[in-house]
N, C-alpha and C. Protein backbone atom coordinates (compact mmCIF):
# COMPACT_ATOMS: atom_id res chain seq x y z
N MET A 1 81.05 -17.48 -46.51
CA MET A 1 80.39 -16.79 -45.41
C MET A 1 81.18 -17.05 -44.12
N ALA A 2 81.41 -16.04 -43.36
CA ALA A 2 82.23 -16.14 -42.15
C ALA A 2 81.43 -16.67 -40.97
N LEU A 3 82.12 -17.44 -40.13
CA LEU A 3 81.52 -17.92 -38.89
C LEU A 3 81.35 -16.75 -37.94
N ASN A 4 80.16 -16.64 -37.36
CA ASN A 4 79.89 -15.60 -36.38
C ASN A 4 80.28 -16.15 -35.01
N GLU A 5 81.51 -15.88 -34.61
CA GLU A 5 82.03 -16.43 -33.35
C GLU A 5 81.32 -15.87 -32.13
N LYS A 6 80.84 -14.65 -32.22
CA LYS A 6 80.17 -14.03 -31.07
C LYS A 6 78.87 -14.74 -30.70
N TYR A 7 78.16 -15.27 -31.71
CA TYR A 7 76.85 -15.85 -31.47
C TYR A 7 76.79 -17.36 -31.74
N SER A 8 77.90 -17.98 -32.07
CA SER A 8 77.94 -19.42 -32.31
C SER A 8 78.34 -20.16 -31.04
N HIS A 9 77.84 -21.39 -30.92
CA HIS A 9 78.18 -22.28 -29.81
C HIS A 9 77.85 -21.66 -28.45
N LYS A 10 76.67 -21.01 -28.39
CA LYS A 10 76.27 -20.34 -27.15
C LYS A 10 74.80 -20.64 -26.84
N ASP A 11 74.44 -20.39 -25.58
CA ASP A 11 73.06 -20.60 -25.13
C ASP A 11 72.43 -19.25 -24.82
N PHE A 12 71.46 -18.87 -25.65
CA PHE A 12 70.72 -17.62 -25.46
C PHE A 12 69.26 -17.91 -25.10
N THR A 13 69.01 -19.04 -24.44
CA THR A 13 67.66 -19.44 -24.06
C THR A 13 66.97 -18.31 -23.30
N GLN A 14 65.74 -18.02 -23.73
CA GLN A 14 64.86 -17.02 -23.09
C GLN A 14 65.41 -15.60 -23.19
N ARG A 15 66.36 -15.38 -24.07
CA ARG A 15 66.88 -14.03 -24.23
C ARG A 15 66.42 -13.45 -25.56
N THR A 16 66.27 -12.16 -25.60
CA THR A 16 66.07 -11.47 -26.86
C THR A 16 67.31 -10.63 -27.12
N LEU A 17 67.68 -10.58 -28.37
CA LEU A 17 68.90 -9.88 -28.77
C LEU A 17 68.56 -8.73 -29.71
N THR A 18 67.35 -8.21 -29.56
CA THR A 18 66.89 -7.14 -30.44
C THR A 18 67.66 -5.85 -30.23
N ASP A 19 68.38 -5.75 -29.13
CA ASP A 19 69.16 -4.53 -28.87
C ASP A 19 70.57 -4.60 -29.47
N THR A 20 70.89 -5.72 -30.13
CA THR A 20 72.19 -5.81 -30.80
C THR A 20 72.09 -5.16 -32.18
N LYS A 21 73.22 -4.91 -32.78
CA LYS A 21 73.23 -4.29 -34.12
C LYS A 21 73.09 -5.37 -35.19
N PRO A 22 72.25 -5.13 -36.20
CA PRO A 22 72.10 -6.13 -37.26
C PRO A 22 73.44 -6.46 -37.93
N GLU A 23 74.35 -5.48 -37.95
CA GLU A 23 75.65 -5.70 -38.59
C GLU A 23 76.45 -6.80 -37.88
N GLU A 24 76.13 -7.06 -36.60
CA GLU A 24 76.80 -8.14 -35.88
C GLU A 24 76.36 -9.51 -36.39
N TRP A 25 75.25 -9.54 -37.09
CA TRP A 25 74.66 -10.78 -37.57
C TRP A 25 74.78 -10.96 -39.08
N ASN A 26 74.57 -9.88 -39.82
CA ASN A 26 74.36 -9.95 -41.25
C ASN A 26 75.47 -10.70 -41.99
N ASP A 27 75.00 -11.58 -42.89
CA ASP A 27 75.88 -12.31 -43.81
C ASP A 27 76.93 -13.15 -43.08
N THR A 28 76.52 -13.79 -41.97
CA THR A 28 77.40 -14.69 -41.23
C THR A 28 76.71 -16.02 -41.01
N GLU A 29 77.48 -17.00 -40.54
CA GLU A 29 76.94 -18.29 -40.15
C GLU A 29 76.94 -18.38 -38.63
N VAL A 30 75.79 -18.73 -38.08
CA VAL A 30 75.67 -18.95 -36.64
C VAL A 30 75.47 -20.45 -36.47
N VAL A 31 76.37 -21.08 -35.70
CA VAL A 31 76.40 -22.54 -35.59
C VAL A 31 76.17 -22.99 -34.14
N ASN A 32 75.33 -24.01 -33.99
CA ASN A 32 75.13 -24.71 -32.71
C ASN A 32 74.77 -23.80 -31.54
N SER A 33 73.87 -22.88 -31.74
CA SER A 33 73.44 -22.03 -30.64
C SER A 33 71.96 -22.25 -30.36
N CYS A 34 71.57 -21.96 -29.13
CA CYS A 34 70.18 -22.11 -28.71
C CYS A 34 69.58 -20.73 -28.48
N PHE A 35 68.50 -20.45 -29.20
CA PHE A 35 67.78 -19.18 -29.08
C PHE A 35 66.35 -19.42 -28.60
N TYR A 36 66.07 -20.61 -28.08
CA TYR A 36 64.72 -20.99 -27.65
C TYR A 36 64.11 -19.93 -26.74
N ASN A 37 62.84 -19.65 -26.99
CA ASN A 37 62.04 -18.79 -26.11
C ASN A 37 60.74 -19.51 -25.81
N GLU A 38 60.19 -19.26 -24.63
CA GLU A 38 58.98 -19.96 -24.21
C GLU A 38 57.75 -19.50 -25.00
N LYS A 39 57.70 -18.23 -25.35
CA LYS A 39 56.55 -17.69 -26.06
C LYS A 39 56.70 -17.90 -27.56
N PRO A 40 55.71 -18.55 -28.18
CA PRO A 40 55.78 -18.75 -29.63
C PRO A 40 55.87 -17.42 -30.39
N ARG A 41 56.67 -17.45 -31.44
CA ARG A 41 56.87 -16.32 -32.35
C ARG A 41 57.51 -15.11 -31.65
N THR A 42 58.53 -15.38 -30.86
CA THR A 42 59.27 -14.32 -30.21
C THR A 42 60.28 -13.73 -31.19
N GLN A 43 60.33 -12.41 -31.24
CA GLN A 43 61.36 -11.75 -32.04
C GLN A 43 62.62 -11.69 -31.19
N VAL A 44 63.64 -12.39 -31.62
CA VAL A 44 64.89 -12.48 -30.88
C VAL A 44 65.97 -11.60 -31.52
N PHE A 45 65.93 -11.50 -32.84
CA PHE A 45 66.99 -10.83 -33.57
C PHE A 45 66.60 -9.40 -33.92
N PRO A 46 67.59 -8.51 -34.06
CA PRO A 46 67.28 -7.10 -34.34
C PRO A 46 66.67 -6.91 -35.73
N ASP A 47 65.82 -5.88 -35.85
CA ASP A 47 65.30 -5.51 -37.17
C ASP A 47 66.48 -5.25 -38.09
N GLY A 48 66.33 -5.67 -39.34
CA GLY A 48 67.39 -5.44 -40.32
C GLY A 48 68.38 -6.59 -40.43
N THR A 49 68.19 -7.64 -39.62
CA THR A 49 69.06 -8.81 -39.71
C THR A 49 68.77 -9.52 -41.02
N LYS A 50 69.83 -9.83 -41.79
CA LYS A 50 69.63 -10.49 -43.09
C LYS A 50 70.87 -11.32 -43.44
N GLY A 51 70.63 -12.30 -44.27
CA GLY A 51 71.72 -13.10 -44.80
C GLY A 51 72.38 -14.03 -43.80
N VAL A 52 71.75 -14.27 -42.66
CA VAL A 52 72.34 -15.17 -41.67
C VAL A 52 71.97 -16.61 -42.04
N LYS A 53 72.96 -17.48 -41.95
CA LYS A 53 72.72 -18.91 -42.14
C LYS A 53 72.85 -19.55 -40.75
N PHE A 54 71.72 -20.00 -40.21
CA PHE A 54 71.72 -20.68 -38.92
C PHE A 54 71.94 -22.17 -39.18
N ILE A 55 72.94 -22.75 -38.54
CA ILE A 55 73.27 -24.16 -38.74
C ILE A 55 73.18 -24.89 -37.41
N ARG A 56 72.34 -25.95 -37.37
CA ARG A 56 72.15 -26.78 -36.17
C ARG A 56 71.85 -25.94 -34.92
N CYS A 57 70.97 -24.98 -35.07
CA CYS A 57 70.56 -24.12 -33.95
C CYS A 57 69.16 -24.50 -33.47
N ASN A 58 68.88 -24.20 -32.21
CA ASN A 58 67.53 -24.34 -31.69
C ASN A 58 66.86 -22.98 -31.84
N LEU A 59 65.92 -22.92 -32.77
CA LEU A 59 65.16 -21.71 -33.04
C LEU A 59 63.68 -21.91 -32.72
N ASP A 60 63.40 -22.84 -31.81
CA ASP A 60 62.01 -23.11 -31.42
C ASP A 60 61.39 -21.84 -30.83
N ASN A 61 60.20 -21.51 -31.34
CA ASN A 61 59.40 -20.35 -30.92
C ASN A 61 60.01 -19.01 -31.32
N VAL A 62 60.99 -19.04 -32.18
CA VAL A 62 61.69 -17.83 -32.59
C VAL A 62 61.30 -17.46 -34.03
N ILE A 63 61.13 -16.17 -34.27
CA ILE A 63 60.91 -15.69 -35.64
C ILE A 63 62.27 -15.63 -36.33
N VAL A 64 62.42 -16.42 -37.39
CA VAL A 64 63.65 -16.37 -38.19
C VAL A 64 63.48 -15.20 -39.16
N PRO A 65 64.41 -14.24 -39.12
CA PRO A 65 64.26 -13.06 -39.98
C PRO A 65 64.21 -13.42 -41.47
N LYS A 66 63.43 -12.66 -42.21
CA LYS A 66 63.35 -12.85 -43.66
C LYS A 66 64.74 -12.66 -44.24
N GLY A 67 65.05 -13.49 -45.23
CA GLY A 67 66.36 -13.41 -45.85
C GLY A 67 67.42 -14.21 -45.13
N CYS A 68 67.04 -14.90 -44.06
CA CYS A 68 67.96 -15.78 -43.34
C CYS A 68 67.55 -17.22 -43.62
N THR A 69 68.49 -18.14 -43.51
CA THR A 69 68.22 -19.54 -43.80
C THR A 69 68.59 -20.42 -42.60
N THR A 70 68.01 -21.62 -42.60
CA THR A 70 68.31 -22.59 -41.54
C THR A 70 68.76 -23.89 -42.17
N GLU A 71 69.69 -24.56 -41.50
CA GLU A 71 70.18 -25.85 -41.95
C GLU A 71 70.32 -26.76 -40.73
N GLY A 72 69.50 -27.79 -40.68
CA GLY A 72 69.56 -28.72 -39.55
C GLY A 72 69.11 -28.11 -38.23
N CYS A 73 68.29 -27.09 -38.29
CA CYS A 73 67.82 -26.40 -37.08
C CYS A 73 66.46 -26.92 -36.65
N SER A 74 66.14 -26.70 -35.39
CA SER A 74 64.81 -26.95 -34.88
C SER A 74 64.07 -25.62 -34.90
N THR A 75 62.93 -25.59 -35.58
CA THR A 75 62.16 -24.35 -35.73
C THR A 75 60.69 -24.55 -35.37
N ARG A 76 60.46 -25.39 -34.38
CA ARG A 76 59.08 -25.72 -34.01
C ARG A 76 58.44 -24.60 -33.19
N LEU A 77 57.12 -24.61 -33.22
CA LEU A 77 56.33 -23.78 -32.31
C LEU A 77 55.91 -24.71 -31.17
N ILE A 78 56.14 -24.29 -29.93
CA ILE A 78 55.89 -25.13 -28.77
C ILE A 78 55.17 -24.30 -27.71
N GLY A 79 54.19 -24.90 -27.05
CA GLY A 79 53.49 -24.19 -25.99
C GLY A 79 53.01 -25.13 -24.90
N VAL A 80 53.04 -24.65 -23.66
CA VAL A 80 52.53 -25.42 -22.53
C VAL A 80 51.00 -25.39 -22.59
N GLN A 81 50.42 -26.56 -22.41
CA GLN A 81 48.97 -26.70 -22.45
C GLN A 81 48.42 -26.90 -21.04
N ASN A 82 47.10 -27.06 -20.94
CA ASN A 82 46.45 -27.23 -19.64
C ASN A 82 46.90 -28.48 -18.89
N ASP A 83 47.53 -29.42 -19.61
CA ASP A 83 48.05 -30.62 -18.93
C ASP A 83 49.45 -30.37 -18.35
N LEU A 84 49.92 -29.10 -18.44
CA LEU A 84 51.21 -28.66 -17.91
C LEU A 84 52.40 -29.21 -18.69
N GLU A 85 52.14 -29.76 -19.86
CA GLU A 85 53.19 -30.31 -20.71
C GLU A 85 53.35 -29.46 -21.98
N ASP A 86 54.55 -29.49 -22.54
CA ASP A 86 54.83 -28.81 -23.80
C ASP A 86 54.24 -29.63 -24.95
N TRP A 87 53.55 -28.92 -25.83
CA TRP A 87 53.00 -29.53 -27.03
C TRP A 87 53.51 -28.77 -28.25
N ILE A 88 53.73 -29.50 -29.34
CA ILE A 88 54.07 -28.88 -30.62
C ILE A 88 52.80 -28.25 -31.16
N LEU A 89 52.93 -27.03 -31.66
CA LEU A 89 51.78 -26.27 -32.14
C LEU A 89 51.80 -26.16 -33.66
N ASP A 90 50.61 -25.97 -34.25
CA ASP A 90 50.55 -25.69 -35.67
C ASP A 90 50.68 -24.18 -35.89
N GLN A 91 50.55 -23.74 -37.12
CA GLN A 91 50.73 -22.32 -37.44
C GLN A 91 49.67 -21.42 -36.79
N ASP A 92 48.54 -22.03 -36.41
CA ASP A 92 47.49 -21.28 -35.71
C ASP A 92 47.65 -21.35 -34.19
N LEU A 93 48.80 -21.89 -33.76
CA LEU A 93 49.14 -22.06 -32.34
C LEU A 93 48.20 -23.02 -31.61
N LYS A 94 47.65 -23.97 -32.36
CA LYS A 94 46.81 -25.03 -31.79
C LYS A 94 47.69 -26.26 -31.56
N PRO A 95 47.50 -26.96 -30.43
CA PRO A 95 48.33 -28.14 -30.15
C PRO A 95 48.11 -29.25 -31.16
N VAL A 96 49.22 -29.89 -31.55
CA VAL A 96 49.18 -30.98 -32.52
C VAL A 96 49.53 -32.30 -31.83
N GLU A 97 50.63 -32.30 -31.09
CA GLU A 97 51.06 -33.50 -30.38
C GLU A 97 52.01 -33.10 -29.25
N PRO A 98 52.10 -33.95 -28.22
CA PRO A 98 53.00 -33.61 -27.11
C PRO A 98 54.46 -33.64 -27.56
N LEU A 99 55.24 -32.77 -27.00
CA LEU A 99 56.67 -32.73 -27.32
C LEU A 99 57.31 -34.06 -26.93
N ARG A 100 56.88 -34.62 -25.80
CA ARG A 100 57.41 -35.91 -25.35
C ARG A 100 56.44 -37.03 -25.75
N LYS A 101 56.10 -37.08 -27.03
CA LYS A 101 55.11 -38.02 -27.56
C LYS A 101 55.46 -39.47 -27.23
N ALA A 102 56.71 -39.86 -27.40
CA ALA A 102 57.09 -41.25 -27.14
C ALA A 102 56.83 -41.62 -25.68
N ARG A 103 57.07 -40.69 -24.79
CA ARG A 103 56.83 -40.97 -23.36
C ARG A 103 55.33 -41.13 -23.11
N TYR A 104 54.52 -40.26 -23.72
CA TYR A 104 53.06 -40.39 -23.60
C TYR A 104 52.64 -41.79 -24.06
N GLU A 105 53.14 -42.20 -25.22
CA GLU A 105 52.75 -43.50 -25.78
C GLU A 105 53.21 -44.65 -24.90
N ARG A 106 54.44 -44.59 -24.39
CA ARG A 106 54.94 -45.65 -23.50
C ARG A 106 54.08 -45.78 -22.25
N LEU A 107 53.55 -44.66 -21.78
CA LEU A 107 52.73 -44.68 -20.56
C LEU A 107 51.25 -44.92 -20.86
N GLY A 108 50.90 -45.08 -22.13
CA GLY A 108 49.52 -45.33 -22.50
C GLY A 108 48.62 -44.11 -22.40
N LEU A 109 49.22 -42.93 -22.52
CA LEU A 109 48.46 -41.68 -22.44
C LEU A 109 48.07 -41.22 -23.84
N SER A 110 46.96 -40.53 -23.95
CA SER A 110 46.49 -40.05 -25.24
C SER A 110 47.38 -38.93 -25.78
N VAL A 111 47.69 -39.02 -27.06
CA VAL A 111 48.45 -37.96 -27.74
C VAL A 111 47.53 -37.13 -28.64
N ASP A 112 46.23 -37.35 -28.50
CA ASP A 112 45.24 -36.62 -29.29
C ASP A 112 44.94 -35.29 -28.60
N PRO A 113 45.19 -34.17 -29.27
CA PRO A 113 44.94 -32.87 -28.64
C PRO A 113 43.48 -32.65 -28.26
N ARG A 114 42.56 -33.38 -28.88
CA ARG A 114 41.15 -33.24 -28.52
C ARG A 114 40.88 -33.75 -27.11
N ASN A 115 41.81 -34.53 -26.58
CA ASN A 115 41.65 -35.07 -25.22
C ASN A 115 42.32 -34.22 -24.16
N LEU A 116 42.85 -33.08 -24.55
CA LEU A 116 43.45 -32.18 -23.57
C LEU A 116 42.38 -31.64 -22.63
N SER A 117 42.75 -31.46 -21.39
CA SER A 117 41.83 -30.93 -20.39
C SER A 117 41.44 -29.49 -20.74
N ALA A 118 40.17 -29.16 -20.55
CA ALA A 118 39.71 -27.79 -20.78
C ALA A 118 40.16 -26.87 -19.65
N GLU A 119 40.46 -27.47 -18.49
CA GLU A 119 40.92 -26.69 -17.34
C GLU A 119 42.35 -27.06 -17.01
N LYS A 120 43.07 -26.11 -16.44
CA LYS A 120 44.46 -26.35 -16.09
C LYS A 120 44.55 -27.39 -14.97
N LEU A 121 45.38 -28.42 -15.19
CA LEU A 121 45.58 -29.48 -14.21
C LEU A 121 46.57 -29.02 -13.15
N THR A 122 46.58 -29.71 -12.03
CA THR A 122 47.55 -29.40 -10.98
C THR A 122 48.77 -30.31 -11.07
N GLU A 123 48.67 -31.38 -11.87
CA GLU A 123 49.78 -32.31 -12.08
C GLU A 123 49.70 -32.81 -13.51
N SER A 124 50.84 -32.91 -14.17
CA SER A 124 50.82 -33.38 -15.56
C SER A 124 50.41 -34.84 -15.60
N PRO A 125 49.81 -35.29 -16.70
CA PRO A 125 49.41 -36.70 -16.80
C PRO A 125 50.61 -37.64 -16.72
N ILE A 126 51.77 -37.19 -17.16
CA ILE A 126 52.97 -38.02 -17.06
C ILE A 126 53.33 -38.22 -15.59
N GLU A 127 53.35 -37.14 -14.82
CA GLU A 127 53.65 -37.25 -13.39
C GLU A 127 52.63 -38.13 -12.68
N THR A 128 51.35 -37.96 -13.02
CA THR A 128 50.28 -38.75 -12.40
C THR A 128 50.49 -40.23 -12.70
N LYS A 129 50.72 -40.54 -13.97
CA LYS A 129 50.88 -41.95 -14.38
C LYS A 129 52.12 -42.57 -13.74
N VAL A 130 53.23 -41.85 -13.72
CA VAL A 130 54.45 -42.37 -13.11
C VAL A 130 54.24 -42.60 -11.62
N ARG A 131 53.56 -41.68 -10.96
CA ARG A 131 53.26 -41.85 -9.53
C ARG A 131 52.39 -43.08 -9.32
N GLU A 132 51.33 -43.22 -10.13
CA GLU A 132 50.43 -44.37 -10.01
C GLU A 132 51.17 -45.69 -10.25
N LEU A 133 52.03 -45.71 -11.26
CA LEU A 133 52.81 -46.92 -11.55
C LEU A 133 53.75 -47.24 -10.38
N GLY A 134 54.36 -46.21 -9.81
CA GLY A 134 55.23 -46.40 -8.66
C GLY A 134 54.48 -46.96 -7.47
N GLU A 135 53.28 -46.44 -7.23
CA GLU A 135 52.46 -46.93 -6.12
C GLU A 135 52.05 -48.38 -6.36
N ALA A 136 51.68 -48.71 -7.59
CA ALA A 136 51.29 -50.09 -7.91
C ALA A 136 52.48 -51.03 -7.74
N LEU A 137 53.64 -50.59 -8.16
CA LEU A 137 54.85 -51.40 -8.01
C LEU A 137 55.18 -51.62 -6.54
N GLU A 138 55.04 -50.58 -5.74
CA GLU A 138 55.29 -50.68 -4.30
C GLU A 138 54.29 -51.65 -3.65
N ALA A 139 53.03 -51.61 -4.07
CA ALA A 139 52.02 -52.53 -3.54
C ALA A 139 52.35 -53.97 -3.91
N GLN A 140 52.81 -54.19 -5.13
CA GLN A 140 53.21 -55.54 -5.56
C GLN A 140 54.40 -56.03 -4.74
N LYS A 141 55.35 -55.16 -4.49
CA LYS A 141 56.53 -55.50 -3.68
C LYS A 141 56.10 -55.88 -2.27
N ASP A 142 55.21 -55.09 -1.69
CA ASP A 142 54.72 -55.38 -0.34
C ASP A 142 54.02 -56.74 -0.30
N ALA A 143 53.21 -57.03 -1.33
CA ALA A 143 52.50 -58.31 -1.39
C ALA A 143 53.49 -59.47 -1.51
N LEU A 144 54.52 -59.30 -2.33
CA LEU A 144 55.54 -60.34 -2.48
C LEU A 144 56.33 -60.53 -1.18
N ASP A 145 56.63 -59.43 -0.50
CA ASP A 145 57.33 -59.52 0.78
C ASP A 145 56.48 -60.28 1.80
N ALA A 146 55.19 -59.98 1.83
CA ALA A 146 54.29 -60.66 2.76
C ALA A 146 54.21 -62.15 2.44
N GLU A 147 54.15 -62.47 1.15
CA GLU A 147 54.09 -63.87 0.73
C GLU A 147 55.39 -64.59 1.08
N ALA A 148 56.51 -63.92 0.89
CA ALA A 148 57.81 -64.51 1.23
C ALA A 148 57.90 -64.76 2.73
N ASP A 149 57.40 -63.83 3.54
CA ASP A 149 57.38 -64.01 4.99
C ASP A 149 56.56 -65.23 5.37
N THR A 150 55.40 -65.38 4.73
CA THR A 150 54.53 -66.51 5.02
C THR A 150 55.22 -67.83 4.67
N LEU A 151 55.87 -67.87 3.51
CA LEU A 151 56.56 -69.08 3.10
C LEU A 151 57.76 -69.36 3.99
N TRP A 152 58.45 -68.33 4.41
CA TRP A 152 59.62 -68.48 5.26
C TRP A 152 59.25 -69.04 6.62
N ARG A 153 58.13 -68.57 7.15
CA ARG A 153 57.68 -69.04 8.47
C ARG A 153 56.97 -70.37 8.38
N GLY A 154 56.52 -70.65 7.15
CA GLY A 154 55.83 -71.82 6.75
C GLY A 154 55.45 -72.86 7.59
């Protein structure tokens, strides 16, 4: 199978390529390209695309045409939730876990989708927590500075 040089090693983020000819794609290998779209289940490729082998591509939120294969690709469904953060979605487009799950856990934030806000927040919980931690750290610094001043003047 021939390498598709036109569509390999490129960034097509938020683009649809449905206006291209399927013959530009068919029976080729597309390597290391990003086709990510914000809307889950976006049709990016033209009707009639077949036999494409996508290798190490970002196909998040993209419909992979029938008859095409993926190898080492990311094919997740992702959507912004009311907490203003990206969450991985299930096939019913329901949130499963935050995309930045490790960061949520490090900050002690819930990764349970049942705890998502019913209303849209004005600041993500990550931003809120980081701001609060920064303020607490600044308060500790100020207290230590004041204590050092007291000891210095002693």
